[in-house]
């Protein structure tokens, strides 16, 4: 069974994006689709982000301050994963 972070690594590599964070709806829904999860609007994105927060795996978890003052999690490909 594929873990969420594994699906995220595959989707990020395929799309050429270096990271995923809250608000990246297309990426988050693509990760959910890769996992075979049903789409449930914004709840799908929340579910993916919650799974990545619990187990980021080989992704590097960083905190990013948004312009509105909110702190959000950002999951980036590690240097090793980006090189593959």
C-alpha atoms as a PDB file:
ATOM      1  CA  UNK A   1       0.000   0.000   0.000  1.00  0.00           C
ATOM      2  CA  UNK A   2       1.372   3.385  -1.019  1.00  0.00           C
ATOM      3  CA  UNK A   3       1.829   6.023   1.662  1.00  0.00           C
ATOM      4  CA  UNK A   4       0.779   9.618   1.128  1.00  0.00           C
ATOM      5  CA  UNK A   5       4.360  10.935   1.109  1.00  0.00           C
ATOM      6  CA  UNK A   6       5.294   8.380  -1.581  1.00  0.00           C
ATOM      7  CA  UNK A   7       2.417   9.519  -3.778  1.00  0.00           C
ATOM      8  CA  UNK A   8       3.436  13.140  -3.162  1.00  0.00           C
ATOM      9  CA  UNK A   9       7.033  12.448  -4.236  1.00  0.00           C
ATOM     10  CA  UNK A  10       5.812  10.798  -7.461  1.00  0.00           C
ATOM     11  CA  UNK A  11       3.377  13.612  -8.288  1.00  0.00           C
ATOM     12  CA  UNK A  12       5.953  16.324  -7.563  1.00  0.00           C
ATOM     13  CA  UNK A  13       8.536  14.606  -9.775  1.00  0.00           C
ATOM     14  CA  UNK A  14       6.066  14.120 -12.629  1.00  0.00           C
ATOM     15  CA  UNK A  15       4.800  17.704 -12.528  1.00  0.00           C
ATOM     16  CA  UNK A  16       8.179  19.308 -11.941  1.00  0.00           C
ATOM     17  CA  UNK A  17       7.014  21.161  -8.833  1.00  0.00           C
ATOM     18  CA  UNK A  18       9.544  21.420  -5.990  1.00  0.00           C
ATOM     19  CA  UNK A  19       6.963  21.473  -3.171  1.00  0.00           C
ATOM     20  CA  UNK A  20       3.324  21.229  -2.140  1.00  0.00           C
ATOM     21  CA  UNK A  21       1.460  23.272   0.462  1.00  0.00           C
ATOM     22  CA  UNK A  22      -2.017  24.343   1.464  1.00  0.00           C
ATOM     23  CA  UNK A  23      -3.742  25.941  -1.512  1.00  0.00           C
ATOM     24  CA  UNK A  24      -2.068  23.781  -4.160  1.00  0.00           C
ATOM     25  CA  UNK A  25      -5.403  22.163  -4.979  1.00  0.00           C
ATOM     26  CA  UNK A  26      -4.390  20.491  -8.233  1.00  0.00           C
ATOM     27  CA  UNK A  27      -1.343  18.875  -6.678  1.00  0.00           C
ATOM     28  CA  UNK A  28      -3.191  17.816  -3.534  1.00  0.00           C
ATOM     29  CA  UNK A  29      -6.032  16.287  -5.564  1.00  0.00           C
ATOM     30  CA  UNK A  30      -3.524  14.536  -7.838  1.00  0.00           C
ATOM     31  CA  UNK A  31      -1.899  13.000  -4.754  1.00  0.00           C
ATOM     32  CA  UNK A  32      -5.301  11.862  -3.470  1.00  0.00           C
ATOM     33  CA  UNK A  33      -6.124  10.382  -6.871  1.00  0.00           C
ATOM     34  CA  UNK A  34      -2.822   8.482  -6.882  1.00  0.00           C
ATOM     35  CA  UNK A  35      -3.789   7.021  -3.507  1.00  0.00           C
ATOM     36  CA  UNK A  36      -7.240   6.042  -4.757  1.00  0.00           C
ATOM     37  CA  UNK A  37      -9.004   8.362  -2.324  1.00  0.00           C
ATOM     38  CA  UNK A  38     -12.445   9.668  -3.235  1.00  0.00           C
ATOM     39  CA  UNK A  39     -12.673  13.369  -3.981  1.00  0.00           C
ATOM     40  CA  UNK A  40     -14.645  15.317  -1.422  1.00  0.00           C
ATOM     41  CA  UNK A  41     -14.014  18.942  -2.322  1.00  0.00           C
ATOM     42  CA  UNK A  42     -11.791  20.895   0.080  1.00  0.00           C
ATOM     43  CA  UNK A  43     -11.869  18.003   2.546  1.00  0.00           C
ATOM     44  CA  UNK A  44      -9.659  16.048   0.137  1.00  0.00           C
ATOM     45  CA  UNK A  45      -6.914  18.675   0.379  1.00  0.00           C
ATOM     46  CA  UNK A  46      -7.198  18.781   4.164  1.00  0.00           C
ATOM     47  CA  UNK A  47      -6.951  14.995   4.317  1.00  0.00           C
ATOM     48  CA  UNK A  48      -3.775  14.931   2.188  1.00  0.00           C
ATOM     49  CA  UNK A  49      -2.162  17.729   4.209  1.00  0.00           C
ATOM     50  CA  UNK A  50      -3.055  15.980   7.490  1.00  0.00           C
ATOM     51  CA  UNK A  51      -1.488  12.739   6.246  1.00  0.00           C
ATOM     52  CA  UNK A  52       1.688  14.560   5.176  1.00  0.00           C
ATOM     53  CA  UNK A  53       1.865  16.346   8.553  1.00  0.00           C
ATOM     54  CA  UNK A  54       1.653  13.006  10.368  1.00  0.00           C
ATOM     55  CA  UNK A  55       4.286  11.271   8.220  1.00  0.00           C
ATOM     56  CA  UNK A  56       6.282  13.490   5.857  1.00  0.00           C
ATOM     57  CA  UNK A  57       8.548  10.546   4.939  1.00  0.00           C
ATOM     58  CA  UNK A  58      11.317  11.686   2.590  1.00  0.00           C
ATOM     59  CA  UNK A  59       9.772  15.105   2.083  1.00  0.00           C
ATOM     60  CA  UNK A  60      11.294  18.020   3.989  1.00  0.00           C
ATOM     61  CA  UNK A  61       8.665  19.703   6.135  1.00  0.00           C
ATOM     62  CA  UNK A  62       9.086  23.446   6.433  1.00  0.00           C
ATOM     63  CA  UNK A  63       6.932  26.181   7.919  1.00  0.00           C
ATOM     64  CA  UNK A  64       6.113  29.132   5.707  1.00  0.00           C
ATOM     65  CA  UNK A  65       4.672  32.456   6.842  1.00  0.00           C
ATOM     66  CA  UNK A  66       2.038  33.763   4.453  1.00  0.00           C
ATOM     67  CA  UNK A  67       1.405  37.438   3.790  1.00  0.00           C
ATOM     68  CA  UNK A  68      -1.748  37.298   5.949  1.00  0.00           C
ATOM     69  CA  UNK A  69       0.317  36.162   8.939  1.00  0.00           C
ATOM     70  CA  UNK A  70      -0.728  32.497   8.831  1.00  0.00           C
ATOM     71  CA  UNK A  71       1.887  29.806   9.280  1.00  0.00           C
ATOM     72  CA  UNK A  72       1.433  26.837   6.945  1.00  0.00           C
ATOM     73  CA  UNK A  73       3.292  23.591   6.336  1.00  0.00           C
ATOM     74  CA  UNK A  74       5.199  23.235   3.082  1.00  0.00           C
ATOM     75  CA  UNK A  75       6.529  19.860   1.962  1.00  0.00           C
ATOM     76  CA  UNK A  76       9.554  20.015  -0.323  1.00  0.00           C
ATOM     77  CA  UNK A  77      11.407  17.318  -2.192  1.00  0.00           C
ATOM     78  CA  UNK A  78      14.660  16.527  -0.449  1.00  0.00           C
ATOM     79  CA  UNK A  79      17.843  17.097  -2.444  1.00  0.00           C
ATOM     80  CA  UNK A  80      18.200  13.332  -2.895  1.00  0.00           C
ATOM     81  CA  UNK A  81      14.639  12.951  -4.214  1.00  0.00           C
ATOM     82  CA  UNK A  82      14.925  15.970  -6.505  1.00  0.00           C
ATOM     83  CA  UNK A  83      18.106  14.568  -8.054  1.00  0.00           C
ATOM     84  CA  UNK A  84      16.459  11.274  -9.048  1.00  0.00           C
END
